[in-house]
Amino acid sequence: MCLECGSIPCDPRCPNATEERAIYTCTVCGSPIFEDDMYWDSQDGCICEDCLDEMSRKEILELCGEPLKKAVMEEY
């Protein structure tokens, strides 16, 4: 969140605002996603490339609705 205007992304009138306007906002960190930025359009919303790079494989699987399963011996 911007300390000047208190918004994510900055209000266009804020001195910290960038010239570019955000197309999306990352649902994990709240950072703006600008034109030509890489992002993942997950079921939970847009996730920026930086957040995706920091996620474990397990976290990504869970976001896809495919959590790891525990192996259990089946008895007949």
PDB file of N, CA and C in Angstrom:
ATOM      1  N   MET A   1       0.847  -1.164   0.000  1.00  0.00           N
ATOM      2  CA  MET A   1       0.000   0.000   0.000  1.00  0.00           C
ATOM      3  C   MET A   1       0.903   1.240   0.000  1.00  0.00           C
ATOM      4  N   CYS A   2       0.516   2.219  -0.778  1.00  0.00           N
ATOM      5  CA  CYS A   2       1.290   3.460  -0.874  1.00  0.00           C
ATOM      6  C   CYS A   2       1.130   4.273   0.407  1.00  0.00           C
ATOM      7  N   LEU A   3       2.242   4.789   0.914  1.00  0.00           N
ATOM      8  CA  LEU A   3       2.206   5.604   2.131  1.00  0.00           C
ATOM      9  C   LEU A   3       1.627   6.995   1.868  1.00  0.00           C
ATOM     10  N   GLU A   4       1.690   7.466   0.625  1.00  0.00           N
ATOM     11  CA  GLU A   4       1.163   8.792   0.271  1.00  0.00           C
ATOM     12  C   GLU A   4      -0.352   8.785   0.162  1.00  0.00           C
ATOM     13  N   CYS A   5      -0.876   7.897  -0.719  1.00  0.00           N
ATOM     14  CA  CYS A   5      -2.309   7.927  -1.020  1.00  0.00           C
ATOM     15  C   CYS A   5      -3.095   6.806  -0.339  1.00  0.00           C
ATOM     16  N   GLY A   6      -2.389   5.776   0.187  1.00  0.00           N
ATOM     17  CA  GLY A   6      -3.065   4.680   0.882  1.00  0.00           C
ATOM     18  C   GLY A   6      -3.754   3.697  -0.049  1.00  0.00           C
ATOM     19  N   SER A   7      -3.433   3.725  -1.323  1.00  0.00           N
ATOM     20  CA  SER A   7      -4.085   2.847  -2.304  1.00  0.00           C
ATOM     21  C   SER A   7      -3.110   1.841  -2.894  1.00  0.00           C
ATOM     22  N   ILE A   8      -3.667   0.751  -3.421  1.00  0.00           N
ATOM     23  CA  ILE A   8      -2.924  -0.247  -4.189  1.00  0.00           C
ATOM     24  C   ILE A   8      -3.712  -0.479  -5.465  1.00  0.00           C
ATOM     25  N   PRO A   9      -3.243  -0.175  -6.646  1.00  0.00           N
ATOM     26  CA  PRO A   9      -2.074   0.672  -6.914  1.00  0.00           C
ATOM     27  C   PRO A   9      -2.378   2.124  -6.575  1.00  0.00           C
ATOM     28  N   CYS A  10      -1.391   2.986  -6.726  1.00  0.00           N
ATOM     29  CA  CYS A  10      -1.554   4.400  -6.382  1.00  0.00           C
ATOM     30  C   CYS A  10      -2.679   5.054  -7.175  1.00  0.00           C
ATOM     31  N   ASP A  11      -3.344   5.981  -6.503  1.00  0.00           N
ATOM     32  CA  ASP A  11      -4.332   6.832  -7.159  1.00  0.00           C
ATOM     33  C   ASP A  11      -3.589   7.625  -8.239  1.00  0.00           C
ATOM     34  N   PRO A  12      -4.192   7.837  -9.401  1.00  0.00           N
ATOM     35  CA  PRO A  12      -3.494   8.571 -10.468  1.00  0.00           C
ATOM     36  C   PRO A  12      -3.021   9.959 -10.048  1.00  0.00           C
ATOM     37  N   ARG A  13      -3.636  10.556  -9.037  1.00  0.00           N
ATOM     38  CA  ARG A  13      -3.239  11.886  -8.572  1.00  0.00           C
ATOM     39  C   ARG A  13      -2.067  11.843  -7.603  1.00  0.00           C
ATOM     40  N   CYS A  14      -1.680  10.651  -7.157  1.00  0.00           N
ATOM     41  CA  CYS A  14      -0.590  10.493  -6.189  1.00  0.00           C
ATOM     42  C   CYS A  14       0.755  10.790  -6.861  1.00  0.00           C
ATOM     43  N   PRO A  15       1.673  11.456  -6.138  1.00  0.00           N
ATOM     44  CA  PRO A  15       2.995  11.713  -6.726  1.00  0.00           C
ATOM     45  C   PRO A  15       3.803  10.432  -6.967  1.00  0.00           C
ATOM     46  N   ASN A  16       3.441   9.345  -6.321  1.00  0.00           N
ATOM     47  CA  ASN A  16       4.134   8.072  -6.526  1.00  0.00           C
ATOM     48  C   ASN A  16       3.541   7.249  -7.669  1.00  0.00           C
ATOM     49  N   ALA A  17       2.461   7.722  -8.247  1.00  0.00           N
ATOM     50  CA  ALA A  17       1.800   6.980  -9.323  1.00  0.00           C
ATOM     51  C   ALA A  17       2.710   6.886 -10.537  1.00  0.00           C
ATOM     52  N   THR A  18       2.686   5.742 -11.185  1.00  0.00           N
ATOM     53  CA  THR A  18       3.461   5.575 -12.411  1.00  0.00           C
ATOM     54  C   THR A  18       2.639   6.053 -13.589  1.00  0.00           C
ATOM     55  N   GLU A  19       3.304   6.301 -14.670  1.00  0.00           N
ATOM     56  CA  GLU A  19       2.620   6.730 -15.892  1.00  0.00           C
ATOM     57  C   GLU A  19       1.706   5.622 -16.411  1.00  0.00           C
ATOM     58  N   GLU A  20       2.197   4.383 -16.293  1.00  0.00           N
ATOM     59  CA  GLU A  20       1.412   3.254 -16.770  1.00  0.00           C
ATOM     60  C   GLU A  20       0.252   2.978 -15.821  1.00  0.00           C
ATOM     61  N   ARG A  21      -0.831   2.521 -16.354  1.00  0.00           N
ATOM     62  CA  ARG A  21      -1.960   2.128 -15.538  1.00  0.00           C
ATOM     63  C   ARG A  21      -1.954   0.615 -15.431  1.00  0.00           C
ATOM     64  N   ALA A  22      -2.200   0.133 -14.242  1.00  0.00           N
ATOM     65  CA  ALA A  22      -2.232  -1.310 -14.013  1.00  0.00           C
ATOM     66  C   ALA A  22      -3.435  -1.915 -14.721  1.00  0.00           C
ATOM     67  N   ILE A  23      -3.211  -3.098 -15.268  1.00  0.00           N
ATOM     68  CA  ILE A  23      -4.301  -3.833 -15.906  1.00  0.00           C
ATOM     69  C   ILE A  23      -4.966  -4.742 -14.878  1.00  0.00           C
ATOM     70  N   TYR A  24      -4.142  -5.370 -14.032  1.00  0.00           N
ATOM     71  CA  TYR A  24      -4.620  -6.253 -12.968  1.00  0.00           C
ATOM     72  C   TYR A  24      -3.864  -5.942 -11.689  1.00  0.00           C
ATOM     73  N   THR A  25      -4.313  -6.544 -10.601  1.00  0.00           N
ATOM     74  CA  THR A  25      -3.619  -6.454  -9.318  1.00  0.00           C
ATOM     75  C   THR A  25      -3.383  -7.866  -8.821  1.00  0.00           C
ATOM     76  N   CYS A  26      -2.172  -8.139  -8.364  1.00  0.00           N
ATOM     77  CA  CYS A  26      -1.831  -9.466  -7.855  1.00  0.00           C
ATOM     78  C   CYS A  26      -2.649  -9.749  -6.599  1.00  0.00           C
ATOM     79  N   THR A  27      -3.298 -10.894  -6.556  1.00  0.00           N
ATOM     80  CA  THR A  27      -4.123 -11.255  -5.402  1.00  0.00           C
ATOM     81  C   THR A  27      -3.280 -11.691  -4.212  1.00  0.00           C
ATOM     82  N   VAL A  28      -1.998 -11.964  -4.420  1.00  0.00           N
ATOM     83  CA  VAL A  28      -1.130 -12.400  -3.328  1.00  0.00           C
ATOM     84  C   VAL A  28      -0.477 -11.197  -2.652  1.00  0.00           C
ATOM     85  N   CYS A  29       0.204 -10.350  -3.421  1.00  0.00           N
ATOM     86  CA  CYS A  29       0.975  -9.249  -2.834  1.00  0.00           C
ATOM     87  C   CYS A  29       0.335  -7.877  -3.030  1.00  0.00           C
ATOM     88  N   GLY A  30      -0.644  -7.781  -3.917  1.00  0.00           N
ATOM     89  CA  GLY A  30      -1.306  -6.503  -4.157  1.00  0.00           C
ATOM     90  C   GLY A  30      -0.580  -5.593  -5.127  1.00  0.00           C
ATOM     91  N   SER A  31       0.495  -6.070  -5.734  1.00  0.00           N
ATOM     92  CA  SER A  31       1.246  -5.252  -6.690  1.00  0.00           C
ATOM     93  C   SER A  31       0.473  -5.130  -8.002  1.00  0.00           C
ATOM     94  N   PRO A  32       0.659  -4.008  -8.687  1.00  0.00           N
ATOM     95  CA  PRO A  32       0.009  -3.853  -9.987  1.00  0.00           C
ATOM     96  C   PRO A  32       0.658  -4.742 -11.039  1.00  0.00           C
ATOM     97  N   ILE A  33      -0.140  -5.182 -11.977  1.00  0.00           N
ATOM     98  CA  ILE A  33       0.337  -5.955 -13.124  1.00  0.00           C
ATOM     99  C   ILE A  33       0.078  -5.080 -14.351  1.00  0.00           C
ATOM    100  N   PHE A  34       1.165  -4.677 -15.003  1.00  0.00           N
ATOM    101  CA  PHE A  34       1.080  -3.770 -16.138  1.00  0.00           C
ATOM    102  C   PHE A  34       1.082  -4.519 -17.458  1.00  0.00           C
ATOM    103  N   GLU A  35       0.786  -3.806 -18.532  1.00  0.00           N
ATOM    104  CA  GLU A  35       0.822  -4.380 -19.874  1.00  0.00           C
ATOM    105  C   GLU A  35       2.193  -4.996 -20.121  1.00  0.00           C
ATOM    106  N   ASP A  36       2.221  -6.160 -20.715  1.00  0.00           N
ATOM    107  CA  ASP A  36       3.412  -6.949 -21.049  1.00  0.00           C
ATOM    108  C   ASP A  36       4.030  -7.672 -19.857  1.00  0.00           C
ATOM    109  N   ASP A  37       3.515  -7.483 -18.628  1.00  0.00           N
ATOM    110  CA  ASP A  37       3.986  -8.260 -17.479  1.00  0.00           C
ATOM    111  C   ASP A  37       3.461  -9.683 -17.594  1.00  0.00           C
ATOM    112  N   MET A  38       4.235 -10.632 -17.093  1.00  0.00           N
ATOM    113  CA  MET A  38       3.805 -12.026 -17.068  1.00  0.00           C
ATOM    114  C   MET A  38       3.062 -12.273 -15.751  1.00  0.00           C
ATOM    115  N   TYR A  39       1.955 -13.008 -15.827  1.00  0.00           N
ATOM    116  CA  TYR A  39       1.186 -13.331 -14.640  1.00  0.00           C
ATOM    117  C   TYR A  39       0.440 -14.635 -14.854  1.00  0.00           C
ATOM    118  N   TRP A  40      -0.079 -15.199 -13.764  1.00  0.00           N
ATOM    119  CA  TRP A  40      -0.888 -16.420 -13.841  1.00  0.00           C
ATOM    120  C   TRP A  40      -2.316 -16.055 -13.500  1.00  0.00           C
ATOM    121  N   ASP A  41      -3.238 -16.376 -14.382  1.00  0.00           N
ATOM    122  CA  ASP A  41      -4.657 -16.133 -14.158  1.00  0.00           C
ATOM    123  C   ASP A  41      -5.228 -17.353 -13.450  1.00  0.00           C
ATOM    124  N   SER A  42      -4.993 -17.445 -12.139  1.00  0.00           N
ATOM    125  CA  SER A  42      -5.414 -18.616 -11.365  1.00  0.00           C
ATOM    126  C   SER A  42      -6.900 -18.536 -11.031  1.00  0.00           C
ATOM    127  N   GLN A  43      -7.426 -19.596 -10.477  1.00  0.00           N
ATOM    128  CA  GLN A  43      -8.829 -19.613 -10.060  1.00  0.00           C
ATOM    129  C   GLN A  43      -9.083 -18.596  -8.957  1.00  0.00           C
ATOM    130  N   ASP A  44      -8.044 -18.273  -8.182  1.00  0.00           N
ATOM    131  CA  ASP A  44      -8.177 -17.307  -7.091  1.00  0.00           C
ATOM    132  C   ASP A  44      -7.924 -15.871  -7.535  1.00  0.00           C
ATOM    133  N   GLY A  45      -7.542 -15.673  -8.785  1.00  0.00           N
ATOM    134  CA  GLY A  45      -7.260 -14.346  -9.307  1.00  0.00           C
ATOM    135  C   GLY A  45      -5.865 -14.278  -9.897  1.00  0.00           C
ATOM    136  N   CYS A  46      -5.494 -13.108 -10.360  1.00  0.00           N
ATOM    137  CA  CYS A  46      -4.191 -12.907 -11.003  1.00  0.00           C
ATOM    138  C   CYS A  46      -3.065 -12.964  -9.978  1.00  0.00           C
ATOM    139  N   ILE A  47      -1.985 -13.663 -10.341  1.00  0.00           N
ATOM    140  CA  ILE A  47      -0.804 -13.766  -9.485  1.00  0.00           C
ATOM    141  C   ILE A  47       0.396 -13.335 -10.313  1.00  0.00           C
ATOM    142  N   CYS A  48       1.146 -12.344  -9.797  1.00  0.00           N
ATOM    143  CA  CYS A  48       2.289 -11.807 -10.544  1.00  0.00           C
ATOM    144  C   CYS A  48       3.411 -12.838 -10.616  1.00  0.00           C
ATOM    145  N   GLU A  49       4.296 -12.619 -11.572  1.00  0.00           N
ATOM    146  CA  GLU A  49       5.403 -13.550 -11.798  1.00  0.00           C
ATOM    147  C   GLU A  49       6.320 -13.652 -10.581  1.00  0.00           C
ATOM    148  N   ASP A  50       6.547 -12.544  -9.878  1.00  0.00           N
ATOM    149  CA  ASP A  50       7.412 -12.573  -8.690  1.00  0.00           C
ATOM    150  C   ASP A  50       6.830 -13.490  -7.615  1.00  0.00           C
ATOM    151  N   CYS A  51       5.542 -13.374  -7.349  1.00  0.00           N
ATOM    152  CA  CYS A  51       4.903 -14.237  -6.343  1.00  0.00           C
ATOM    153  C   CYS A  51       4.923 -15.690  -6.793  1.00  0.00           C
ATOM    154  N   LEU A  52       4.682 -15.917  -8.071  1.00  0.00           N
ATOM    155  CA  LEU A  52       4.694 -17.278  -8.605  1.00  0.00           C
ATOM    156  C   LEU A  52       6.077 -17.900  -8.457  1.00  0.00           C
ATOM    157  N   ASP A  53       7.123 -17.113  -8.697  1.00  0.00           N
ATOM    158  CA  ASP A  53       8.492 -17.609  -8.548  1.00  0.00           C
ATOM    159  C   ASP A  53       8.800 -18.016  -7.109  1.00  0.00           C
ATOM    160  N   GLU A  54       8.150 -17.368  -6.148  1.00  0.00           N
ATOM    161  CA  GLU A  54       8.397 -17.648  -4.738  1.00  0.00           C
ATOM    162  C   GLU A  54       7.556 -18.805  -4.196  1.00  0.00           C
ATOM    163  N   MET A  55       6.561 -19.255  -4.958  1.00  0.00           N
ATOM    164  CA  MET A  55       5.690 -20.340  -4.497  1.00  0.00           C
ATOM    165  C   MET A  55       6.348 -21.701  -4.674  1.00  0.00           C
ATOM    166  N   SER A  56       6.067 -22.588  -3.753  1.00  0.00           N
ATOM    167  CA  SER A  56       6.554 -23.962  -3.873  1.00  0.00           C
ATOM    168  C   SER A  56       5.648 -24.719  -4.849  1.00  0.00           C
ATOM    169  N   ARG A  57       6.126 -25.848  -5.312  1.00  0.00           N
ATOM    170  CA  ARG A  57       5.312 -26.683  -6.200  1.00  0.00           C
ATOM    171  C   ARG A  57       4.027 -27.107  -5.501  1.00  0.00           C
ATOM    172  N   LYS A  58       4.148 -27.378  -4.213  1.00  0.00           N
ATOM    173  CA  LYS A  58       2.983 -27.799  -3.427  1.00  0.00           C
ATOM    174  C   LYS A  58       1.930 -26.686  -3.380  1.00  0.00           C
ATOM    175  N   GLU A  59       2.360 -25.446  -3.176  1.00  0.00           N
ATOM    176  CA  GLU A  59       1.423 -24.316  -3.144  1.00  0.00           C
ATOM    177  C   GLU A  59       0.722 -24.148  -4.494  1.00  0.00           C
ATOM    178  N   ILE A  60       1.474 -24.325  -5.571  1.00  0.00           N
ATOM    179  CA  ILE A  60       0.888 -24.197  -6.905  1.00  0.00           C
ATOM    180  C   ILE A  60      -0.140 -25.302  -7.145  1.00  0.00           C
ATOM    181  N   LEU A  61       0.189 -26.531  -6.753  1.00  0.00           N
ATOM    182  CA  LEU A  61      -0.768 -27.627  -6.887  1.00  0.00           C
ATOM    183  C   LEU A  61      -2.050 -27.346  -6.116  1.00  0.00           C
ATOM    184  N   GLU A  62      -1.912 -26.819  -4.903  1.00  0.00           N
ATOM    185  CA  GLU A  62      -3.089 -26.512  -4.090  1.00  0.00           C
ATOM    186  C   GLU A  62      -3.941 -25.426  -4.730  1.00  0.00           C
ATOM    187  N   LEU A  63      -3.307 -24.413  -5.335  1.00  0.00           N
ATOM    188  CA  LEU A  63      -4.062 -23.373  -6.033  1.00  0.00           C
ATOM    189  C   LEU A  63      -4.818 -23.937  -7.233  1.00  0.00           C
ATOM    190  N   CYS A  64      -4.281 -25.000  -7.820  1.00  0.00           N
ATOM    191  CA  CYS A  64      -4.929 -25.650  -8.963  1.00  0.00           C
ATOM    192  C   CYS A  64      -6.024 -26.623  -8.507  1.00  0.00           C
ATOM    193  N   GLY A  65      -6.201 -26.755  -7.200  1.00  0.00           N
ATOM    194  CA  GLY A  65      -7.197 -27.686  -6.683  1.00  0.00           C
ATOM    195  C   GLY A  65      -6.723 -29.124  -6.693  1.00  0.00           C
ATOM    196  N   GLU A  66      -5.418 -29.325  -6.711  1.00  0.00           N
ATOM    197  CA  GLU A  66      -4.824 -30.663  -6.755  1.00  0.00           C
ATOM    198  C   GLU A  66      -3.859 -30.859  -5.591  1.00  0.00           C
ATOM    199  N   PRO A  67      -4.356 -30.913  -4.346  1.00  0.00           N
ATOM    200  CA  PRO A  67      -3.441 -31.085  -3.218  1.00  0.00           C
ATOM    201  C   PRO A  67      -2.786 -32.457  -3.230  1.00  0.00           C
ATOM    202  N   LEU A  68      -1.665 -32.559  -2.547  1.00  0.00           N
ATOM    203  CA  LEU A  68      -0.991 -33.853  -2.425  1.00  0.00           C
ATOM    204  C   LEU A  68      -1.867 -34.794  -1.602  1.00  0.00           C
ATOM    205  N   LYS A  69      -1.766 -36.067  -1.894  1.00  0.00           N
ATOM    206  CA  LYS A  69      -2.553 -37.069  -1.162  1.00  0.00           C
ATOM    207  C   LYS A  69      -1.613 -37.918  -0.339  1.00  0.00           C
ATOM    208  N   LYS A  70      -2.139 -38.436   0.761  1.00  0.00           N
ATOM    209  CA  LYS A  70      -1.366 -39.301   1.644  1.00  0.00           C
ATOM    210  C   LYS A  70      -1.587 -40.753   1.218  1.00  0.00           C
ATOM    211  N   ALA A  71      -0.506 -41.493   1.053  1.00  0.00           N
ATOM    212  CA  ALA A  71      -0.610 -42.902   0.679  1.00  0.00           C
ATOM    213  C   ALA A  71      -1.093 -43.718   1.873  1.00  0.00           C
ATOM    214  N   VAL A  72      -2.136 -44.502   1.663  1.00  0.00           N
ATOM    215  CA  VAL A  72      -2.703 -45.338   2.723  1.00  0.00           C
ATOM    216  C   VAL A  72      -2.911 -46.731   2.154  1.00  0.00           C
ATOM    217  N   MET A  73      -2.443 -47.734   2.867  1.00  0.00           N
ATOM    218  CA  MET A  73      -2.627 -49.114   2.451  1.00  0.00           C
ATOM    219  C   MET A  73      -4.103 -49.476   2.536  1.00  0.00           C
ATOM    220  N   GLU A  74      -4.645 -49.940   1.437  1.00  0.00           N
ATOM    221  CA  GLU A  74      -6.048 -50.331   1.432  1.00  0.00           C
ATOM    222  C   GLU A  74      -6.174 -51.779   1.890  1.00  0.00           C
ATOM    223  N   GLU A  75      -7.114 -52.034   2.774  1.00  0.00           N
ATOM    224  CA  GLU A  75      -7.362 -53.384   3.250  1.00  0.00           C
ATOM    225  C   GLU A  75      -8.561 -53.960   2.523  1.00  0.00           C
ATOM    226  N   TYR A  76      -8.465 -55.228   2.157  1.00  0.00           N
ATOM    227  CA  TYR A  76      -9.575 -55.878   1.447  1.00  0.00           C
ATOM    228  C   TYR A  76     -10.292 -56.836   2.327  1.00  0.00           C
TER     229      TYR A  76
END
